[in-house]
Amino acid sequence: MLLHATGGGVEFKLESQMKRTLLSGALLLALPLAAQTGAVPGAGAAAPVPTAASAVAAGLAALHAGKSREALADFQQAIRADPSNAAANLYAATAALELYEGQLAVGYAEKARQLDPSDWKVDTTLVAAYAEAGMKQQRDALRARLRALHAAGTGEDAHARDARLANGFLLEMFPVESHGTAYQVDAVEYFEPMGEMRTYYRFLVRQADGRLVWEIDVESNNFDERSWAQAHSGEAAAGERQFQLIGHGESAQGREVDYRMFTGKPDYDAFRAMVVTILEQQPPAAPAQ
């Protein structure tokens, strides 16, 4: 999944995956009627056999409805009907990610890349699959590739130009449980620090029903950084910065919460661990009224 600036903010834009962005109904309607089902020759009134296209359509509808397990089964059916279908493999990887089945997601995403190596957006699914599967070496190699493609986004290469337009990508999806409350966390990595507050990473925290309840940003604004660098010239020369972990949104009770200030290099795994700790320390949710 890629990120694009829209208006005054940033939204997820569906490039090849993710139920958490709205799937256009036209995506399903665009399938020709003849592709919706496949008749078995000589079968008479027997039930039609789904084609790869109809199975993908059913899977997208299930993914949109939050039925990831059902969606995965549909995409697997599409792959059985057409093993060389790169889109079906990529969607299957997406559904597996939603189910936190990282190794399965890796298998499907790697197959999609094998079938369509020219589509660099496949890597934005594969990087999340590697992260979910705990394959840090492969994850970081792919992060570096995506960053290099973004930085080189000029010239005649259409893929590089497209990469240059993106602000960042979904790096990981992971669950956290706190006092019986299950949270779903989407970790976003930006190619370049975003906005006046220079946000390096954003952690979108959702309840089990998918409702966004708050965001936790990793920020390092230039104003505070300059004064810190003057007082810590050695650390600054070594590439360290002063960071803040800032919470926004409903679970921050309508205000900005400064969870922590610290210094170091922009290490995603360190930030992730801090976010997990913050979530685990949240008080129990109030009972429904």
C-alpha atoms as a PDB file:
ATOM      1  CA  MET A   1       0.000   0.000   0.000  1.00  0.00           C
ATOM      2  CA  LEU A   2       1.192   3.457  -0.932  1.00  0.00           C
ATOM      3  CA  LEU A   3       0.454   6.855   0.551  1.00  0.00           C
ATOM      4  CA  HIS A   4      -0.425   9.957  -1.423  1.00  0.00           C
ATOM      5  CA  ALA A   5      -1.012  13.515  -0.291  1.00  0.00           C
ATOM      6  CA  THR A   6      -4.620  14.622  -0.787  1.00  0.00           C
ATOM      7  CA  GLY A   7      -5.879  18.054   0.140  1.00  0.00           C
ATOM      8  CA  GLY A   8      -4.578  19.035   3.535  1.00  0.00           C
ATOM      9  CA  GLY A   9      -3.711  15.571   4.735  1.00  0.00           C
ATOM     10  CA  VAL A  10      -2.630  12.089   3.826  1.00  0.00           C
ATOM     11  CA  GLU A  11      -4.864   9.188   2.940  1.00  0.00           C
ATOM     12  CA  PHE A  12      -4.315   5.571   1.982  1.00  0.00           C
ATOM     13  CA  LYS A  13      -4.854   5.026  -1.713  1.00  0.00           C
ATOM     14  CA  LEU A  14      -5.672   1.524  -2.903  1.00  0.00           C
ATOM     15  CA  GLU A  15      -2.975   0.538  -5.368  1.00  0.00           C
ATOM     16  CA  SER A  16      -3.311  -3.204  -5.245  1.00  0.00           C
ATOM     17  CA  GLN A  17      -4.634  -4.130  -1.842  1.00  0.00           C
ATOM     18  CA  MET A  18      -6.161  -3.489   1.579  1.00  0.00           C
ATOM     19  CA  LYS A  19      -9.758  -3.611   2.678  1.00  0.00           C
ATOM     20  CA  ARG A  20      -9.139  -0.601   4.915  1.00  0.00           C
ATOM     21  CA  THR A  21      -9.470   1.708   1.960  1.00  0.00           C
ATOM     22  CA  LEU A  22     -12.775   1.799   0.129  1.00  0.00           C
ATOM     23  CA  LEU A  23     -12.995  -0.587  -2.801  1.00  0.00           C
ATOM     24  CA  SER A  24     -14.922   1.025  -5.606  1.00  0.00           C
ATOM     25  CA  GLY A  25     -18.104  -0.771  -6.540  1.00  0.00           C
ATOM     26  CA  ALA A  26     -17.125  -0.125 -10.132  1.00  0.00           C
ATOM     27  CA  LEU A  27     -14.245  -2.522  -9.660  1.00  0.00           C
ATOM     28  CA  LEU A  28     -16.754  -5.337  -9.417  1.00  0.00           C
ATOM     29  CA  LEU A  29     -19.187  -3.959 -11.978  1.00  0.00           C
ATOM     30  CA  ALA A  30     -16.400  -3.584 -14.517  1.00  0.00           C
ATOM     31  CA  LEU A  31     -16.093  -7.346 -14.850  1.00  0.00           C
ATOM     32  CA  PRO A  32     -17.922  -8.453 -18.003  1.00  0.00           C
ATOM     33  CA  LEU A  33     -20.932 -10.649 -17.388  1.00  0.00           C
ATOM     34  CA  ALA A  34     -19.349 -13.497 -19.286  1.00  0.00           C
ATOM     35  CA  ALA A  35     -16.437 -13.487 -16.835  1.00  0.00           C
ATOM     36  CA  GLN A  36     -18.624 -13.801 -13.749  1.00  0.00           C
ATOM     37  CA  THR A  37     -19.197 -17.547 -14.107  1.00  0.00           C
ATOM     38  CA  GLY A  38     -17.917 -20.341 -16.264  1.00  0.00           C
ATOM     39  CA  ALA A  39     -20.243 -23.037 -17.475  1.00  0.00           C
ATOM     40  CA  VAL A  40     -19.121 -26.647 -17.543  1.00  0.00           C
ATOM     41  CA  PRO A  41     -19.635 -28.041 -21.085  1.00  0.00           C
ATOM     42  CA  GLY A  42     -22.370 -30.609 -21.138  1.00  0.00           C
ATOM     43  CA  ALA A  43     -23.343 -30.005 -17.528  1.00  0.00           C
ATOM     44  CA  GLY A  44     -26.869 -28.874 -18.336  1.00  0.00           C
ATOM     45  CA  ALA A  45     -28.407 -27.077 -15.384  1.00  0.00           C
ATOM     46  CA  ALA A  46     -25.507 -27.836 -13.053  1.00  0.00           C
ATOM     47  CA  ALA A  47     -24.237 -24.966 -10.931  1.00  0.00           C
ATOM     48  CA  PRO A  48     -21.725 -22.801 -12.843  1.00  0.00           C
ATOM     49  CA  VAL A  49     -18.064 -23.166 -11.968  1.00  0.00           C
ATOM     50  CA  PRO A  50     -16.517 -19.884 -10.818  1.00  0.00           C
ATOM     51  CA  THR A  51     -13.805 -18.488 -13.054  1.00  0.00           C
ATOM     52  CA  ALA A  52     -10.686 -16.773 -11.749  1.00  0.00           C
ATOM     53  CA  ALA A  53     -12.292 -13.385 -12.514  1.00  0.00           C
ATOM     54  CA  SER A  54     -15.507 -14.142 -10.626  1.00  0.00           C
ATOM     55  CA  ALA A  55     -13.571 -15.592  -7.677  1.00  0.00           C
ATOM     56  CA  VAL A  56     -11.425 -12.444  -7.505  1.00  0.00           C
ATOM     57  CA  ALA A  57     -14.581 -10.304  -7.602  1.00  0.00           C
ATOM     58  CA  ALA A  58     -16.101 -12.318  -4.758  1.00  0.00           C
ATOM     59  CA  GLY A  59     -12.852 -12.023  -2.794  1.00  0.00           C
ATOM     60  CA  LEU A  60     -12.716  -8.254  -3.219  1.00  0.00           C
ATOM     61  CA  ALA A  61     -16.306  -7.957  -2.003  1.00  0.00           C
ATOM     62  CA  ALA A  62     -15.489 -10.098   1.044  1.00  0.00           C
ATOM     63  CA  LEU A  63     -12.319  -8.086   1.728  1.00  0.00           C
ATOM     64  CA  HIS A  64     -14.309  -4.861   1.537  1.00  0.00           C
ATOM     65  CA  ALA A  65     -16.813  -6.313   4.007  1.00  0.00           C
ATOM     66  CA  GLY A  66     -14.085  -7.194   6.479  1.00  0.00           C
ATOM     67  CA  LYS A  67     -14.385 -10.945   5.864  1.00  0.00           C
ATOM     68  CA  SER A  68     -10.706 -11.671   5.375  1.00  0.00           C
ATOM     69  CA  ARG A  69     -10.927 -15.440   5.850  1.00  0.00           C
ATOM     70  CA  GLU A  70     -13.692 -15.697   3.258  1.00  0.00           C
ATOM     71  CA  ALA A  71     -11.748 -13.400   0.931  1.00  0.00           C
ATOM     72  CA  LEU A  72      -8.637 -15.552   1.219  1.00  0.00           C
ATOM     73  CA  ALA A  73     -10.633 -18.647   0.255  1.00  0.00           C
ATOM     74  CA  ASP A  74     -12.010 -16.827  -2.804  1.00  0.00           C
ATOM     75  CA  PHE A  75      -8.573 -15.679  -3.925  1.00  0.00           C
ATOM     76  CA  GLN A  76      -7.192 -19.179  -3.440  1.00  0.00           C
ATOM     77  CA  GLN A  77      -9.998 -20.470  -5.641  1.00  0.00           C
ATOM     78  CA  ALA A  78      -9.006 -17.915  -8.281  1.00  0.00           C
ATOM     79  CA  ILE A  79      -5.393 -19.085  -8.094  1.00  0.00           C
ATOM     80  CA  ARG A  80      -6.461 -22.708  -8.546  1.00  0.00           C
ATOM     81  CA  ALA A  81      -8.395 -21.657 -11.637  1.00  0.00           C
ATOM     82  CA  ASP A  82      -5.527 -19.530 -12.969  1.00  0.00           C
ATOM     83  CA  PRO A  83      -2.171 -20.073 -11.204  1.00  0.00           C
ATOM     84  CA  SER A  84      -0.539 -17.368 -13.319  1.00  0.00           C
ATOM     85  CA  ASN A  85      -2.955 -14.678 -12.126  1.00  0.00           C
ATOM     86  CA  ALA A  86      -0.660 -12.123 -10.468  1.00  0.00           C
ATOM     87  CA  ALA A  87      -3.537 -10.022  -9.102  1.00  0.00           C
ATOM     88  CA  ALA A  88      -5.155 -13.032  -7.400  1.00  0.00           C
ATOM     89  CA  ASN A  89      -1.856 -13.883  -5.720  1.00  0.00           C
ATOM     90  CA  LEU A  90      -1.404 -10.291  -4.584  1.00  0.00           C
ATOM     91  CA  TYR A  91      -4.939 -10.101  -3.184  1.00  0.00           C
ATOM     92  CA  ALA A  92      -4.393 -13.434  -1.435  1.00  0.00           C
ATOM     93  CA  ALA A  93      -1.298 -11.932   0.201  1.00  0.00           C
ATOM     94  CA  THR A  94      -3.407  -8.970   1.336  1.00  0.00           C
ATOM     95  CA  ALA A  95      -6.054 -11.217   2.898  1.00  0.00           C
ATOM     96  CA  ALA A  96      -3.352 -13.248   4.644  1.00  0.00           C
ATOM     97  CA  LEU A  97      -1.873 -10.030   6.044  1.00  0.00           C
ATOM     98  CA  GLU A  98      -5.269  -9.087   7.433  1.00  0.00           C
ATOM     99  CA  LEU A  99      -5.341 -12.472   9.179  1.00  0.00           C
ATOM    100  CA  TYR A 100      -1.780 -11.980  10.515  1.00  0.00           C
ATOM    101  CA  GLU A 101      -0.581 -15.031   8.586  1.00  0.00           C
ATOM    102  CA  GLY A 102       2.752 -13.558   7.577  1.00  0.00           C
ATOM    103  CA  GLN A 103       4.414 -16.617   6.084  1.00  0.00           C
ATOM    104  CA  LEU A 104       1.391 -17.305   3.894  1.00  0.00           C
ATOM    105  CA  ALA A 105       1.355 -13.663   2.802  1.00  0.00           C
ATOM    106  CA  VAL A 106       5.037 -13.884   1.877  1.00  0.00           C
ATOM    107  CA  GLY A 107       4.397 -16.910  -0.324  1.00  0.00           C
ATOM    108  CA  TYR A 108       1.614 -15.250  -2.278  1.00  0.00           C
ATOM    109  CA  ALA A 109       3.350 -11.870  -2.557  1.00  0.00           C
ATOM    110  CA  GLU A 110       6.598 -13.452  -3.763  1.00  0.00           C
ATOM    111  CA  LYS A 111       4.595 -15.393  -6.360  1.00  0.00           C
ATOM    112  CA  ALA A 112       2.918 -12.162  -7.487  1.00  0.00           C
ATOM    113  CA  ARG A 113       6.327 -10.528  -7.912  1.00  0.00           C
ATOM    114  CA  GLN A 114       7.575 -13.545  -9.866  1.00  0.00           C
ATOM    115  CA  LEU A 115       4.557 -13.292 -12.177  1.00  0.00           C
ATOM    116  CA  ASP A 116       4.756  -9.496 -12.559  1.00  0.00           C
ATOM    117  CA  PRO A 117       8.295  -8.320 -11.739  1.00  0.00           C
ATOM    118  CA  SER A 118       7.745  -4.986 -13.490  1.00  0.00           C
ATOM    119  CA  ASP A 119       5.110  -3.815 -10.997  1.00  0.00           C
ATOM    120  CA  TRP A 120       7.079  -2.247  -8.180  1.00  0.00           C
ATOM    121  CA  LYS A 121       3.883  -1.777  -6.147  1.00  0.00           C
ATOM    122  CA  VAL A 122       3.900  -5.513  -5.456  1.00  0.00           C
ATOM    123  CA  ASP A 123       6.879  -4.788  -3.221  1.00  0.00           C
ATOM    124  CA  THR A 124       4.715  -2.526  -1.056  1.00  0.00           C
ATOM    125  CA  THR A 125       2.696  -5.618  -0.142  1.00  0.00           C
ATOM    126  CA  LEU A 126       5.713  -7.898   0.104  1.00  0.00           C
ATOM    127  CA  VAL A 127       7.516  -5.576   2.531  1.00  0.00           C
ATOM    128  CA  ALA A 128       4.542  -5.751   4.922  1.00  0.00           C
ATOM    129  CA  ALA A 129       4.467  -9.525   4.521  1.00  0.00           C
ATOM    130  CA  TYR A 130       8.163  -9.798   5.389  1.00  0.00           C
ATOM    131  CA  ALA A 131       7.594  -7.577   8.436  1.00  0.00           C
ATOM    132  CA  GLU A 132       4.630  -9.636   9.621  1.00  0.00           C
ATOM    133  CA  ALA A 133       6.579 -12.873   9.134  1.00  0.00           C
ATOM    134  CA  GLY A 134       9.511 -11.558  11.196  1.00  0.00           C
ATOM    135  CA  MET A 135      11.863 -11.629   8.176  1.00  0.00           C
ATOM    136  CA  LYS A 136      13.723  -8.441   9.083  1.00  0.00           C
ATOM    137  CA  GLN A 137      16.656  -8.854   6.705  1.00  0.00           C
ATOM    138  CA  GLN A 138      14.347  -9.246   3.704  1.00  0.00           C
ATOM    139  CA  ARG A 139      12.079  -6.485   5.005  1.00  0.00           C
ATOM    140  CA  ASP A 140      14.923  -4.002   5.324  1.00  0.00           C
ATOM    141  CA  ALA A 141      16.382  -4.878   1.925  1.00  0.00           C
ATOM    142  CA  LEU A 142      13.011  -4.190   0.346  1.00  0.00           C
ATOM    143  CA  ARG A 143      12.584  -0.945   2.320  1.00  0.00           C
ATOM    144  CA  ALA A 144      15.927   0.192   0.917  1.00  0.00           C
ATOM    145  CA  ARG A 145      14.819  -0.724  -2.610  1.00  0.00           C
ATOM    146  CA  LEU A 146      11.585   1.229  -2.266  1.00  0.00           C
ATOM    147  CA  ARG A 147      13.442   4.243  -0.907  1.00  0.00           C
ATOM    148  CA  ALA A 148      15.964   4.110  -3.739  1.00  0.00           C
ATOM    149  CA  LEU A 149      13.202   3.914  -6.325  1.00  0.00           C
ATOM    150  CA  HIS A 150      11.443   6.879  -4.722  1.00  0.00           C
ATOM    151  CA  ALA A 151      14.660   8.921  -4.653  1.00  0.00           C
ATOM    152  CA  ALA A 152      15.379   8.141  -8.310  1.00  0.00           C
ATOM    153  CA  GLY A 153      11.857   8.965  -9.442  1.00  0.00           C
ATOM    154  CA  THR A 154      12.800  11.011 -12.474  1.00  0.00           C
ATOM    155  CA  GLY A 155      13.440  10.381 -16.128  1.00  0.00           C
ATOM    156  CA  GLU A 156      11.549   8.059 -18.465  1.00  0.00           C
ATOM    157  CA  ASP A 157      10.952   5.152 -16.074  1.00  0.00           C
ATOM    158  CA  ALA A 158       7.196   5.243 -15.392  1.00  0.00           C
ATOM    159  CA  HIS A 159       7.541   3.087 -12.285  1.00  0.00           C
ATOM    160  CA  ALA A 160      10.171   5.413 -10.818  1.00  0.00           C
ATOM    161  CA  ARG A 161       8.042   8.472 -11.568  1.00  0.00           C
ATOM    162  CA  ASP A 162       5.081   6.797  -9.861  1.00  0.00           C
ATOM    163  CA  ALA A 163       7.256   5.952  -6.865  1.00  0.00           C
ATOM    164  CA  ARG A 164       8.336   9.567  -6.617  1.00  0.00           C
ATOM    165  CA  LEU A 165       4.705  10.673  -6.257  1.00  0.00           C
ATOM    166  CA  ALA A 166       4.118   8.414  -3.239  1.00  0.00           C
ATOM    167  CA  ASN A 167       4.744   9.776   0.252  1.00  0.00           C
ATOM    168  CA  GLY A 168       5.356   6.431   1.892  1.00  0.00           C
ATOM    169  CA  PHE A 169       4.060   2.913   2.355  1.00  0.00           C
ATOM    170  CA  LEU A 170       2.440   0.564   4.826  1.00  0.00           C
ATOM    171  CA  LEU A 171       5.377  -1.144   6.510  1.00  0.00           C
ATOM    172  CA  GLU A 172       3.608  -3.500   8.889  1.00  0.00           C
ATOM    173  CA  MET A 173       0.286  -4.576  10.378  1.00  0.00           C
ATOM    174  CA  PHE A 174       0.347  -6.047  13.866  1.00  0.00           C
ATOM    175  CA  PRO A 175      -2.044  -6.767  16.762  1.00  0.00           C
ATOM    176  CA  VAL A 176      -1.674  -5.565  20.359  1.00  0.00           C
ATOM    177  CA  GLU A 177      -3.865  -6.590  23.298  1.00  0.00           C
ATOM    178  CA  SER A 178      -4.294  -4.440  26.390  1.00  0.00           C
ATOM    179  CA  HIS A 179      -6.529  -5.368  29.317  1.00  0.00           C
ATOM    180  CA  GLY A 180      -8.732  -7.488  27.094  1.00  0.00           C
ATOM    181  CA  THR A 181      -8.984  -4.857  24.342  1.00  0.00           C
ATOM    182  CA  ALA A 182      -7.625  -5.923  20.963  1.00  0.00           C
ATOM    183  CA  TYR A 183      -5.993  -3.255  18.825  1.00  0.00           C
ATOM    184  CA  GLN A 184      -4.928  -3.414  15.195  1.00  0.00           C
ATOM    185  CA  VAL A 185      -1.938  -1.257  14.320  1.00  0.00           C
ATOM    186  CA  ASP A 186      -0.930  -0.107  10.838  1.00  0.00           C
ATOM    187  CA  ALA A 187       2.645   1.187  10.788  1.00  0.00           C
ATOM    188  CA  VAL A 188       3.344   3.728   8.048  1.00  0.00           C
ATOM    189  CA  GLU A 189       6.859   4.645   6.953  1.00  0.00           C
ATOM    190  CA  TYR A 190       7.361   7.910   5.069  1.00  0.00           C
ATOM    191  CA  PHE A 191      10.006   8.229   2.384  1.00  0.00           C
ATOM    192  CA  GLU A 192      10.821  11.683   3.705  1.00  0.00           C
ATOM    193  CA  PRO A 193       9.740  13.321   6.990  1.00  0.00           C
ATOM    194  CA  MET A 194       6.258  14.746   6.493  1.00  0.00           C
ATOM    195  CA  GLY A 195       4.919  18.164   7.353  1.00  0.00           C
ATOM    196  CA  GLU A 196       6.057  20.932   9.658  1.00  0.00           C
ATOM    197  CA  MET A 197       6.521  18.502  12.537  1.00  0.00           C
ATOM    198  CA  ARG A 198       8.582  16.172  10.305  1.00  0.00           C
ATOM    199  CA  THR A 199       6.801  12.883  10.933  1.00  0.00           C
ATOM    200  CA  TYR A 200       9.014   9.871  10.228  1.00  0.00           C
ATOM    201  CA  TYR A 201       6.547   7.106  11.110  1.00  0.00           C
ATOM    202  CA  ARG A 202       2.829   7.021  11.888  1.00  0.00           C
ATOM    203  CA  PHE A 203       1.108   4.236  13.813  1.00  0.00           C
ATOM    204  CA  LEU A 204      -2.638   4.085  13.106  1.00  0.00           C
ATOM    205  CA  VAL A 205      -4.389   2.326  15.990  1.00  0.00           C
ATOM    206  CA  ARG A 206      -7.768   0.711  15.373  1.00  0.00           C
ATOM    207  CA  GLN A 207     -10.206  -1.234  17.433  1.00  0.00           C
ATOM    208  CA  ALA A 208     -11.111  -4.783  16.425  1.00  0.00           C
ATOM    209  CA  ASP A 209     -14.024  -3.441  14.356  1.00  0.00           C
ATOM    210  CA  GLY A 210     -11.586  -1.386  12.268  1.00  0.00           C
ATOM    211  CA  ARG A 211     -12.502   2.010  13.763  1.00  0.00           C
ATOM    212  CA  LEU A 212      -9.528   4.353  14.001  1.00  0.00           C
ATOM    213  CA  VAL A 213      -9.195   5.467  17.622  1.00  0.00           C
ATOM    214  CA  TRP A 214      -5.877   7.270  17.580  1.00  0.00           C
ATOM    215  CA  GLU A 215      -2.561   7.874  15.899  1.00  0.00           C
ATOM    216  CA  ILE A 216       0.898   7.825  17.397  1.00  0.00           C
ATOM    217  CA  ASP A 217       3.468   9.778  15.395  1.00  0.00           C
ATOM    218  CA  VAL A 218       7.250   9.707  15.533  1.00  0.00           C
ATOM    219  CA  GLU A 219       8.271  13.346  15.050  1.00  0.00           C
ATOM    220  CA  SER A 220      11.505  15.314  14.962  1.00  0.00           C
ATOM    221  CA  ASN A 221      10.735  18.937  14.142  1.00  0.00           C
ATOM    222  CA  ASN A 222      13.537  21.175  12.968  1.00  0.00           C
ATOM    223  CA  PHE A 223      13.001  23.885  15.591  1.00  0.00           C
ATOM    224  CA  ASP A 224      13.602  21.594  18.565  1.00  0.00           C
ATOM    225  CA  GLU A 225      16.237  19.685  16.637  1.00  0.00           C
ATOM    226  CA  ARG A 226      18.399  22.767  16.061  1.00  0.00           C
ATOM    227  CA  SER A 227      18.592  23.634  19.743  1.00  0.00           C
ATOM    228  CA  TRP A 228      19.230  19.993  20.654  1.00  0.00           C
ATOM    229  CA  ALA A 229      21.975  19.654  18.015  1.00  0.00           C
ATOM    230  CA  GLN A 230      23.736  22.748  19.331  1.00  0.00           C
ATOM    231  CA  ALA A 231      23.846  21.214  22.792  1.00  0.00           C
ATOM    232  CA  HIS A 232      24.739  17.700  21.536  1.00  0.00           C
ATOM    233  CA  SER A 233      27.002  18.309  18.565  1.00  0.00           C
ATOM    234  CA  GLY A 234      28.761  14.937  18.821  1.00  0.00           C
ATOM    235  CA  GLU A 235      25.540  12.915  18.735  1.00  0.00           C
ATOM    236  CA  ALA A 236      24.148  15.090  15.938  1.00  0.00           C
ATOM    237  CA  ALA A 237      27.293  14.584  13.873  1.00  0.00           C
ATOM    238  CA  ALA A 238      26.831  10.830  14.270  1.00  0.00           C
ATOM    239  CA  GLY A 239      23.358  11.041  12.707  1.00  0.00           C
ATOM    240  CA  GLU A 240      21.270  11.099  15.864  1.00  0.00           C
ATOM    241  CA  ARG A 241      18.254  13.357  16.363  1.00  0.00           C
ATOM    242  CA  GLN A 242      15.808  14.298  19.064  1.00  0.00           C
ATOM    243  CA  PHE A 243      12.450  12.544  18.607  1.00  0.00           C
ATOM    244  CA  GLN A 244       9.038  12.799  20.184  1.00  0.00           C
ATOM    245  CA  LEU A 245       6.304  10.197  20.344  1.00  0.00           C
ATOM    246  CA  ILE A 246       3.036  12.153  19.986  1.00  0.00           C
ATOM    247  CA  GLY A 247      -0.508  10.802  20.272  1.00  0.00           C
ATOM    248  CA  HIS A 248      -3.547  12.286  18.530  1.00  0.00           C
ATOM    249  CA  GLY A 249      -7.196  11.365  18.269  1.00  0.00           C
ATOM    250  CA  GLU A 250     -10.082   9.921  20.208  1.00  0.00           C
ATOM    251  CA  SER A 251      -8.049   7.843  22.642  1.00  0.00           C
ATOM    252  CA  ALA A 252      -5.899  10.884  23.369  1.00  0.00           C
ATOM    253  CA  GLN A 253      -9.161  12.467  24.624  1.00  0.00           C
ATOM    254  CA  GLY A 254      -9.171  15.154  21.976  1.00  0.00           C
ATOM    255  CA  ARG A 255      -5.771  16.546  22.812  1.00  0.00           C
ATOM    256  CA  GLU A 256      -2.172  16.007  21.775  1.00  0.00           C
ATOM    257  CA  VAL A 257      -0.315  13.700  24.145  1.00  0.00           C
ATOM    258  CA  ASP A 258       3.460  13.801  24.381  1.00  0.00           C
ATOM    259  CA  TYR A 259       4.236  10.224  25.340  1.00  0.00           C
ATOM    260  CA  ARG A 260       7.992  10.389  25.242  1.00  0.00           C
ATOM    261  CA  MET A 261      11.028  12.400  24.137  1.00  0.00           C
ATOM    262  CA  PHE A 262      14.257  10.614  23.304  1.00  0.00           C
ATOM    263  CA  THR A 263      17.375  10.798  21.156  1.00  0.00           C
ATOM    264  CA  GLY A 264      18.890   8.389  18.686  1.00  0.00           C
ATOM    265  CA  LYS A 265      18.656   7.332  15.061  1.00  0.00           C
ATOM    266  CA  PRO A 266      15.327   6.713  13.308  1.00  0.00           C
ATOM    267  CA  ASP A 267      15.113   3.003  14.160  1.00  0.00           C
ATOM    268  CA  TYR A 268      11.703   1.568  13.254  1.00  0.00           C
ATOM    269  CA  ASP A 269      11.961  -1.482  15.516  1.00  0.00           C
ATOM    270  CA  ALA A 270      12.767   0.720  18.531  1.00  0.00           C
ATOM    271  CA  PHE A 271       9.788   2.974  17.765  1.00  0.00           C
ATOM    272  CA  ARG A 272       7.516  -0.040  17.293  1.00  0.00           C
ATOM    273  CA  ALA A 273       8.505  -1.412  20.707  1.00  0.00           C
ATOM    274  CA  MET A 274       7.705   1.957  22.321  1.00  0.00           C
ATOM    275  CA  VAL A 275       4.272   2.045  20.677  1.00  0.00           C
ATOM    276  CA  VAL A 276       3.500  -1.490  21.845  1.00  0.00           C
ATOM    277  CA  THR A 277       4.435  -0.476  25.405  1.00  0.00           C
ATOM    278  CA  ILE A 278       2.186   2.594  25.231  1.00  0.00           C
ATOM    279  CA  LEU A 279      -0.761   0.487  24.063  1.00  0.00           C
ATOM    280  CA  GLU A 280      -0.185  -2.221  26.646  1.00  0.00           C
ATOM    281  CA  GLN A 281      -0.211   0.413  29.380  1.00  0.00           C
ATOM    282  CA  GLN A 282      -3.556   1.877  28.351  1.00  0.00           C
ATOM    283  CA  PRO A 283      -6.246   1.596  31.065  1.00  0.00           C
ATOM    284  CA  PRO A 284      -9.077  -0.880  30.551  1.00  0.00           C
ATOM    285  CA  ALA A 285     -11.778   0.322  28.184  1.00  0.00           C
ATOM    286  CA  ALA A 286     -14.869   1.734  29.860  1.00  0.00           C
ATOM    287  CA  PRO A 287     -17.919  -0.559  29.659  1.00  0.00           C
ATOM    288  CA  ALA A 288     -20.461   0.296  27.006  1.00  0.00           C
ATOM    289  CA  GLN A 289     -23.356   2.443  28.233  1.00  0.00           C
END
